[in-house]
Amino acid sequence: MGSPLARYSVTVDDGHLSDLDAVASALRESGMQVERVLGSLGLITGSAPPGARPSLLAVEGVTSVDEQLRYSLPPPDAPVQ
């Protein structure tokens, strides 16, 4: 069984905002499963294998690739650790 996919937020530079769909397509070709394209924010979210960050960052128009971290709190009635 393969490792689970990591969730990423990709920021697109100002010069490529008008062609966000092309950037999303290039991210798909680099192995990302694009979930949302947020045009007004210049942000694309999705999932990719944990080691895919460098290839996603190499896509033309991409400014940053940040892994979305998940946090989990115990229920209020859980014992203190």
PDB file of N, CA and C in Angstrom:
ATOM      1  N   MET A   1       0.846  -1.181   0.000  1.00  0.00           N
ATOM      2  CA  MET A   1       0.000   0.000   0.000  1.00  0.00           C
ATOM      3  C   MET A   1       0.887   1.239   0.000  1.00  0.00           C
ATOM      4  N   GLY A   2       0.613   2.231  -0.866  1.00  0.00           N
ATOM      5  CA  GLY A   2       1.403   3.448  -0.967  1.00  0.00           C
ATOM      6  C   GLY A   2       1.138   4.389   0.185  1.00  0.00           C
ATOM      7  N   SER A   3       2.016   5.361   0.306  1.00  0.00           N
ATOM      8  CA  SER A   3       1.828   6.342   1.371  1.00  0.00           C
ATOM      9  C   SER A   3       0.668   7.271   1.005  1.00  0.00           C
ATOM     10  N   PRO A   4      -0.003   7.824   2.005  1.00  0.00           N
ATOM     11  CA  PRO A   4      -1.133   8.717   1.732  1.00  0.00           C
ATOM     12  C   PRO A   4      -0.664  10.004   1.058  1.00  0.00           C
ATOM     13  N   LEU A   5      -1.574  10.617   0.349  1.00  0.00           N
ATOM     14  CA  LEU A   5      -1.259  11.864  -0.330  1.00  0.00           C
ATOM     15  C   LEU A   5      -1.199  13.013   0.671  1.00  0.00           C
ATOM     16  N   ALA A   6      -0.308  13.949   0.403  1.00  0.00           N
ATOM     17  CA  ALA A   6      -0.221  15.159   1.217  1.00  0.00           C
ATOM     18  C   ALA A   6      -1.097  16.221   0.563  1.00  0.00           C
ATOM     19  N   ARG A   7      -1.642  17.108   1.374  1.00  0.00           N
ATOM     20  CA  ARG A   7      -2.493  18.194   0.860  1.00  0.00           C
ATOM     21  C   ARG A   7      -1.629  19.450   0.736  1.00  0.00           C
ATOM     22  N   TYR A   8      -1.766  20.128  -0.406  1.00  0.00           N
ATOM     23  CA  TYR A   8      -0.949  21.305  -0.686  1.00  0.00           C
ATOM     24  C   TYR A   8      -1.803  22.509  -1.065  1.00  0.00           C
ATOM     25  N   SER A   9      -1.281  23.695  -0.744  1.00  0.00           N
ATOM     26  CA  SER A   9      -1.815  24.964  -1.219  1.00  0.00           C
ATOM     27  C   SER A   9      -0.729  25.584  -2.088  1.00  0.00           C
ATOM     28  N   VAL A  10      -1.076  25.892  -3.329  1.00  0.00           N
ATOM     29  CA  VAL A  10      -0.120  26.439  -4.286  1.00  0.00           C
ATOM     30  C   VAL A  10      -0.501  27.887  -4.568  1.00  0.00           C
ATOM     31  N   THR A  11       0.453  28.796  -4.396  1.00  0.00           N
ATOM     32  CA  THR A  11       0.241  30.211  -4.685  1.00  0.00           C
ATOM     33  C   THR A  11       0.795  30.518  -6.071  1.00  0.00           C
ATOM     34  N   VAL A  12      -0.022  31.203  -6.870  1.00  0.00           N
ATOM     35  CA  VAL A  12       0.354  31.553  -8.240  1.00  0.00           C
ATOM     36  C   VAL A  12       0.775  33.022  -8.268  1.00  0.00           C
ATOM     37  N   ASP A  13       1.839  33.326  -9.037  1.00  0.00           N
ATOM     38  CA  ASP A  13       2.320  34.706  -9.084  1.00  0.00           C
ATOM     39  C   ASP A  13       1.359  35.606  -9.861  1.00  0.00           C
ATOM     40  N   ASP A  14       1.461  36.901  -9.627  1.00  0.00           N
ATOM     41  CA  ASP A  14       0.551  37.881 -10.227  1.00  0.00           C
ATOM     42  C   ASP A  14       0.543  37.828 -11.755  1.00  0.00           C
ATOM     43  N   GLY A  15       1.664  37.529 -12.356  1.00  0.00           N
ATOM     44  CA  GLY A  15       1.758  37.497 -13.804  1.00  0.00           C
ATOM     45  C   GLY A  15       1.019  36.349 -14.459  1.00  0.00           C
ATOM     46  N   HIS A  16       0.639  35.341 -13.677  1.00  0.00           N
ATOM     47  CA  HIS A  16      -0.054  34.174 -14.218  1.00  0.00           C
ATOM     48  C   HIS A  16      -1.502  34.054 -13.736  1.00  0.00           C
ATOM     49  N   LEU A  17      -1.993  35.058 -13.029  1.00  0.00           N
ATOM     50  CA  LEU A  17      -3.366  34.992 -12.514  1.00  0.00           C
ATOM     51  C   LEU A  17      -4.398  34.909 -13.629  1.00  0.00           C
ATOM     52  N   SER A  18      -4.118  35.543 -14.759  1.00  0.00           N
ATOM     53  CA  SER A  18      -5.079  35.510 -15.861  1.00  0.00           C
ATOM     54  C   SER A  18      -5.098  34.153 -16.560  1.00  0.00           C
ATOM     55  N   ASP A  19      -4.104  33.316 -16.300  1.00  0.00           N
ATOM     56  CA  ASP A  19      -4.023  31.992 -16.921  1.00  0.00           C
ATOM     57  C   ASP A  19      -3.959  30.897 -15.865  1.00  0.00           C
ATOM     58  N   LEU A  20      -4.780  31.042 -14.844  1.00  0.00           N
ATOM     59  CA  LEU A  20      -4.786  30.105 -13.719  1.00  0.00           C
ATOM     60  C   LEU A  20      -5.119  28.679 -14.150  1.00  0.00           C
ATOM     61  N   ASP A  21      -5.983  28.530 -15.143  1.00  0.00           N
ATOM     62  CA  ASP A  21      -6.342  27.190 -15.606  1.00  0.00           C
ATOM     63  C   ASP A  21      -5.142  26.465 -16.215  1.00  0.00           C
ATOM     64  N   ALA A  22      -4.278  27.187 -16.908  1.00  0.00           N
ATOM     65  CA  ALA A  22      -3.077  26.575 -17.480  1.00  0.00           C
ATOM     66  C   ALA A  22      -2.113  26.146 -16.380  1.00  0.00           C
ATOM     67  N   VAL A  23      -2.000  26.944 -15.335  1.00  0.00           N
ATOM     68  CA  VAL A  23      -1.144  26.569 -14.202  1.00  0.00           C
ATOM     69  C   VAL A  23      -1.717  25.327 -13.526  1.00  0.00           C
ATOM     70  N   ALA A  24      -3.029  25.283 -13.334  1.00  0.00           N
ATOM     71  CA  ALA A  24      -3.669  24.111 -12.725  1.00  0.00           C
ATOM     72  C   ALA A  24      -3.431  22.871 -13.582  1.00  0.00           C
ATOM     73  N   SER A  25      -3.508  23.016 -14.894  1.00  0.00           N
ATOM     74  CA  SER A  25      -3.260  21.897 -15.797  1.00  0.00           C
ATOM     75  C   SER A  25      -1.819  21.404 -15.680  1.00  0.00           C
ATOM     76  N   ALA A  26      -0.869  22.328 -15.597  1.00  0.00           N
ATOM     77  CA  ALA A  26       0.542  21.957 -15.441  1.00  0.00           C
ATOM     78  C   ALA A  26       0.778  21.262 -14.102  1.00  0.00           C
ATOM     79  N   LEU A  27       0.067  21.692 -13.056  1.00  0.00           N
ATOM     80  CA  LEU A  27       0.182  21.029 -11.756  1.00  0.00           C
ATOM     81  C   LEU A  27      -0.353  19.601 -11.841  1.00  0.00           C
ATOM     82  N   ARG A  28      -1.453  19.406 -12.576  1.00  0.00           N
ATOM     83  CA  ARG A  28      -1.986  18.047 -12.776  1.00  0.00           C
ATOM     84  C   ARG A  28      -0.953  17.164 -13.469  1.00  0.00           C
ATOM     85  N   GLU A  29      -0.293  17.721 -14.485  1.00  0.00           N
ATOM     86  CA  GLU A  29       0.734  16.967 -15.213  1.00  0.00           C
ATOM     87  C   GLU A  29       1.925  16.640 -14.317  1.00  0.00           C
ATOM     88  N   SER A  30       2.129  17.419 -13.272  1.00  0.00           N
ATOM     89  CA  SER A  30       3.221  17.182 -12.324  1.00  0.00           C
ATOM     90  C   SER A  30       2.814  16.249 -11.191  1.00  0.00           C
ATOM     91  N   GLY A  31       1.590  15.728 -11.245  1.00  0.00           N
ATOM     92  CA  GLY A  31       1.171  14.727 -10.265  1.00  0.00           C
ATOM     93  C   GLY A  31       0.212  15.199  -9.198  1.00  0.00           C
ATOM     94  N   MET A  32      -0.260  16.426  -9.288  1.00  0.00           N
ATOM     95  CA  MET A  32      -1.190  16.938  -8.275  1.00  0.00           C
ATOM     96  C   MET A  32      -2.627  16.667  -8.680  1.00  0.00           C
ATOM     97  N   GLN A  33      -3.419  16.230  -7.735  1.00  0.00           N
ATOM     98  CA  GLN A  33      -4.860  16.096  -7.936  1.00  0.00           C
ATOM     99  C   GLN A  33      -5.482  17.420  -7.498  1.00  0.00           C
ATOM    100  N   VAL A  34      -5.768  18.287  -8.466  1.00  0.00           N
ATOM    101  CA  VAL A  34      -6.287  19.616  -8.172  1.00  0.00           C
ATOM    102  C   VAL A  34      -7.722  19.502  -7.684  1.00  0.00           C
ATOM    103  N   GLU A  35      -8.002  20.114  -6.543  1.00  0.00           N
ATOM    104  CA  GLU A  35      -9.347  20.084  -5.972  1.00  0.00           C
ATOM    105  C   GLU A  35     -10.069  21.415  -6.151  1.00  0.00           C
ATOM    106  N   ARG A  36      -9.365  22.505  -5.940  1.00  0.00           N
ATOM    107  CA  ARG A  36      -9.991  23.836  -6.053  1.00  0.00           C
ATOM    108  C   ARG A  36      -9.028  24.815  -6.713  1.00  0.00           C
ATOM    109  N   VAL A  37      -9.606  25.662  -7.563  1.00  0.00           N
ATOM    110  CA  VAL A  37      -8.871  26.765  -8.156  1.00  0.00           C
ATOM    111  C   VAL A  37      -9.571  28.035  -7.692  1.00  0.00           C
ATOM    112  N   LEU A  38      -8.910  28.777  -6.829  1.00  0.00           N
ATOM    113  CA  LEU A  38      -9.485  29.978  -6.232  1.00  0.00           C
ATOM    114  C   LEU A  38      -8.904  31.198  -6.941  1.00  0.00           C
ATOM    115  N   GLY A  39      -9.545  31.572  -8.050  1.00  0.00           N
ATOM    116  CA  GLY A  39      -9.029  32.627  -8.914  1.00  0.00           C
ATOM    117  C   GLY A  39      -8.838  33.959  -8.236  1.00  0.00           C
ATOM    118  N   SER A  40      -9.777  34.369  -7.412  1.00  0.00           N
ATOM    119  CA  SER A  40      -9.667  35.680  -6.770  1.00  0.00           C
ATOM    120  C   SER A  40      -8.515  35.740  -5.770  1.00  0.00           C
ATOM    121  N   LEU A  41      -8.065  34.586  -5.299  1.00  0.00           N
ATOM    122  CA  LEU A  41      -6.955  34.535  -4.344  1.00  0.00           C
ATOM    123  C   LEU A  41      -5.638  34.138  -5.001  1.00  0.00           C
ATOM    124  N   GLY A  42      -5.696  33.621  -6.230  1.00  0.00           N
ATOM    125  CA  GLY A  42      -4.487  33.125  -6.874  1.00  0.00           C
ATOM    126  C   GLY A  42      -3.955  31.889  -6.190  1.00  0.00           C
ATOM    127  N   LEU A  43      -4.868  31.022  -5.768  1.00  0.00           N
ATOM    128  CA  LEU A  43      -4.516  29.851  -4.974  1.00  0.00           C
ATOM    129  C   LEU A  43      -5.124  28.607  -5.597  1.00  0.00           C
ATOM    130  N   ILE A  44      -4.356  27.525  -5.612  1.00  0.00           N
ATOM    131  CA  ILE A  44      -4.829  26.236  -6.097  1.00  0.00           C
ATOM    132  C   ILE A  44      -4.562  25.230  -4.989  1.00  0.00           C
ATOM    133  N   THR A  45      -5.573  24.437  -4.642  1.00  0.00           N
ATOM    134  CA  THR A  45      -5.398  23.434  -3.590  1.00  0.00           C
ATOM    135  C   THR A  45      -5.604  22.043  -4.165  1.00  0.00           C
ATOM    136  N   GLY A  46      -4.974  21.074  -3.527  1.00  0.00           N
ATOM    137  CA  GLY A  46      -5.132  19.695  -3.963  1.00  0.00           C
ATOM    138  C   GLY A  46      -4.202  18.770  -3.213  1.00  0.00           C
ATOM    139  N   SER A  47      -4.077  17.555  -3.741  1.00  0.00           N
ATOM    140  CA  SER A  47      -3.273  16.516  -3.101  1.00  0.00           C
ATOM    141  C   SER A  47      -2.226  15.993  -4.070  1.00  0.00           C
ATOM    142  N   ALA A  48      -1.111  15.542  -3.511  1.00  0.00           N
ATOM    143  CA  ALA A  48      -0.030  14.959  -4.300  1.00  0.00           C
ATOM    144  C   ALA A  48       0.797  14.075  -3.371  1.00  0.00           C
ATOM    145  N   PRO A  49       1.616  13.193  -3.933  1.00  0.00           N
ATOM    146  CA  PRO A  49       2.495  12.387  -3.079  1.00  0.00           C
ATOM    147  C   PRO A  49       3.386  13.299  -2.224  1.00  0.00           C
ATOM    148  N   PRO A  50       3.754  12.844  -1.031  1.00  0.00           N
ATOM    149  CA  PRO A  50       4.537  13.682  -0.119  1.00  0.00           C
ATOM    150  C   PRO A  50       5.818  14.268  -0.718  1.00  0.00           C
ATOM    151  N   GLY A  51       6.474  13.587  -1.631  1.00  0.00           N
ATOM    152  CA  GLY A  51       7.722  14.084  -2.201  1.00  0.00           C
ATOM    153  C   GLY A  51       7.548  14.943  -3.442  1.00  0.00           C
ATOM    154  N   ALA A  52       6.315  15.326  -3.778  1.00  0.00           N
ATOM    155  CA  ALA A  52       6.043  16.044  -5.022  1.00  0.00           C
ATOM    156  C   ALA A  52       6.293  17.543  -4.944  1.00  0.00           C
ATOM    157  N   ARG A  53       6.564  18.077  -3.779  1.00  0.00           N
ATOM    158  CA  ARG A  53       6.704  19.528  -3.623  1.00  0.00           C
ATOM    159  C   ARG A  53       7.703  20.153  -4.600  1.00  0.00           C
ATOM    160  N   PRO A  54       8.911  19.598  -4.778  1.00  0.00           N
ATOM    161  CA  PRO A  54       9.861  20.226  -5.716  1.00  0.00           C
ATOM    162  C   PRO A  54       9.336  20.282  -7.156  1.00  0.00           C
ATOM    163  N   SER A  55       8.663  19.236  -7.610  1.00  0.00           N
ATOM    164  CA  SER A  55       8.155  19.254  -8.989  1.00  0.00           C
ATOM    165  C   SER A  55       6.989  20.230  -9.135  1.00  0.00           C
ATOM    166  N   LEU A  56       6.198  20.400  -8.092  1.00  0.00           N
ATOM    167  CA  LEU A  56       5.105  21.373  -8.137  1.00  0.00           C
ATOM    168  C   LEU A  56       5.664  22.797  -8.130  1.00  0.00           C
ATOM    169  N   LEU A  57       6.694  23.010  -7.355  1.00  0.00           N
ATOM    170  CA  LEU A  57       7.325  24.332  -7.270  1.00  0.00           C
ATOM    171  C   LEU A  57       8.003  24.722  -8.588  1.00  0.00           C
ATOM    172  N   ALA A  58       8.377  23.735  -9.398  1.00  0.00           N
ATOM    173  CA  ALA A  58       9.041  23.989 -10.676  1.00  0.00           C
ATOM    174  C   ALA A  58       8.072  24.407 -11.784  1.00  0.00           C
ATOM    175  N   VAL A  59       6.766  24.313 -11.539  1.00  0.00           N
ATOM    176  CA  VAL A  59       5.775  24.688 -12.541  1.00  0.00           C
ATOM    177  C   VAL A  59       5.821  26.197 -12.756  1.00  0.00           C
ATOM    178  N   GLU A  60       5.826  26.615 -14.027  1.00  0.00           N
ATOM    179  CA  GLU A  60       5.870  28.038 -14.345  1.00  0.00           C
ATOM    180  C   GLU A  60       4.653  28.759 -13.781  1.00  0.00           C
ATOM    181  N   GLY A  61       4.900  29.860 -13.085  1.00  0.00           N
ATOM    182  CA  GLY A  61       3.827  30.652 -12.498  1.00  0.00           C
ATOM    183  C   GLY A  61       3.595  30.366 -11.019  1.00  0.00           C
ATOM    184  N   VAL A  62       4.221  29.315 -10.499  1.00  0.00           N
ATOM    185  CA  VAL A  62       4.041  28.957  -9.091  1.00  0.00           C
ATOM    186  C   VAL A  62       5.044  29.723  -8.234  1.00  0.00           C
ATOM    187  N   THR A  63       4.523  30.407  -7.223  1.00  0.00           N
ATOM    188  CA  THR A  63       5.363  31.171  -6.309  1.00  0.00           C
ATOM    189  C   THR A  63       5.749  30.348  -5.078  1.00  0.00           C
ATOM    190  N   SER A  64       4.771  29.616  -4.527  1.00  0.00           N
ATOM    191  CA  SER A  64       5.057  28.802  -3.343  1.00  0.00           C
ATOM    192  C   SER A  64       4.151  27.584  -3.304  1.00  0.00           C
ATOM    193  N   VAL A  65       4.642  26.553  -2.627  1.00  0.00           N
ATOM    194  CA  VAL A  65       3.892  25.319  -2.418  1.00  0.00           C
ATOM    195  C   VAL A  65       3.992  25.007  -0.934  1.00  0.00           C
ATOM    196  N   ASP A  66       2.856  25.065  -0.253  1.00  0.00           N
ATOM    197  CA  ASP A  66       2.847  24.841   1.193  1.00  0.00           C
ATOM    198  C   ASP A  66       1.981  23.640   1.533  1.00  0.00           C
ATOM    199  N   GLU A  67       2.544  22.758   2.356  1.00  0.00           N
ATOM    200  CA  GLU A  67       1.766  21.605   2.787  1.00  0.00           C
ATOM    201  C   GLU A  67       0.737  22.052   3.823  1.00  0.00           C
ATOM    202  N   GLN A  68      -0.480  21.577   3.667  1.00  0.00           N
ATOM    203  CA  GLN A  68      -1.541  21.882   4.623  1.00  0.00           C
ATOM    204  C   GLN A  68      -1.407  20.900   5.784  1.00  0.00           C
ATOM    205  N   LEU A  69      -1.074  21.420   6.939  1.00  0.00           N
ATOM    206  CA  LEU A  69      -0.894  20.576   8.117  1.00  0.00           C
ATOM    207  C   LEU A  69      -2.228  20.353   8.808  1.00  0.00           C
ATOM    208  N   ARG A  70      -2.384  19.187   9.382  1.00  0.00           N
ATOM    209  CA  ARG A  70      -3.622  18.864  10.094  1.00  0.00           C
ATOM    210  C   ARG A  70      -3.311  18.717  11.580  1.00  0.00           C
ATOM    211  N   TYR A  71      -4.187  19.247  12.366  1.00  0.00           N
ATOM    212  CA  TYR A  71      -4.052  19.134  13.816  1.00  0.00           C
ATOM    213  C   TYR A  71      -5.322  18.511  14.363  1.00  0.00           C
ATOM    214  N   SER A  72      -5.152  17.746  15.418  1.00  0.00           N
ATOM    215  CA  SER A  72      -6.303  17.093  16.012  1.00  0.00           C
ATOM    216  C   SER A  72      -6.217  17.264  17.526  1.00  0.00           C
ATOM    217  N   LEU A  73      -7.275  17.730  18.104  1.00  0.00           N
ATOM    218  CA  LEU A  73      -7.344  17.892  19.554  1.00  0.00           C
ATOM    219  C   LEU A  73      -8.177  16.764  20.134  1.00  0.00           C
ATOM    220  N   PRO A  74      -7.829  16.316  21.315  1.00  0.00           N
ATOM    221  CA  PRO A  74      -8.672  15.289  21.937  1.00  0.00           C
ATOM    222  C   PRO A  74     -10.013  15.880  22.349  1.00  0.00           C
ATOM    223  N   PRO A  75     -11.012  15.034  22.499  1.00  0.00           N
ATOM    224  CA  PRO A  75     -12.309  15.538  22.938  1.00  0.00           C
ATOM    225  C   PRO A  75     -12.204  16.193  24.323  1.00  0.00           C
ATOM    226  N   PRO A  76     -13.118  17.096  24.667  1.00  0.00           N
ATOM    227  CA  PRO A  76     -13.052  17.814  25.938  1.00  0.00           C
ATOM    228  C   PRO A  76     -13.035  16.902  27.169  1.00  0.00           C
ATOM    229  N   ASP A  77     -13.626  15.733  27.059  1.00  0.00           N
ATOM    230  CA  ASP A  77     -13.678  14.847  28.233  1.00  0.00           C
ATOM    231  C   ASP A  77     -12.506  13.849  28.278  1.00  0.00           C
ATOM    232  N   ALA A  78     -11.518  13.975  27.401  1.00  0.00           N
ATOM    233  CA  ALA A  78     -10.366  13.087  27.390  1.00  0.00           C
ATOM    234  C   ALA A  78      -9.440  13.422  28.557  1.00  0.00           C
ATOM    235  N   PRO A  79      -8.766  12.423  29.108  1.00  0.00           N
ATOM    236  CA  PRO A  79      -7.828  12.700  30.207  1.00  0.00           C
ATOM    237  C   PRO A  79      -6.641  13.522  29.697  1.00  0.00           C
ATOM    238  N   VAL A  80      -6.092  14.355  30.570  1.00  0.00           N
ATOM    239  CA  VAL A  80      -4.928  15.187  30.232  1.00  0.00           C
ATOM    240  C   VAL A  80      -3.713  14.278  30.160  1.00  0.00           C
ATOM    241  N   GLN A  81      -2.865  14.534  29.163  1.00  0.00           N
ATOM    242  CA  GLN A  81      -1.677  13.680  29.031  1.00  0.00           C
ATOM    243  C   GLN A  81      -0.433  14.395  29.458  1.00  0.00           C
TER     244      GLN A  81
END
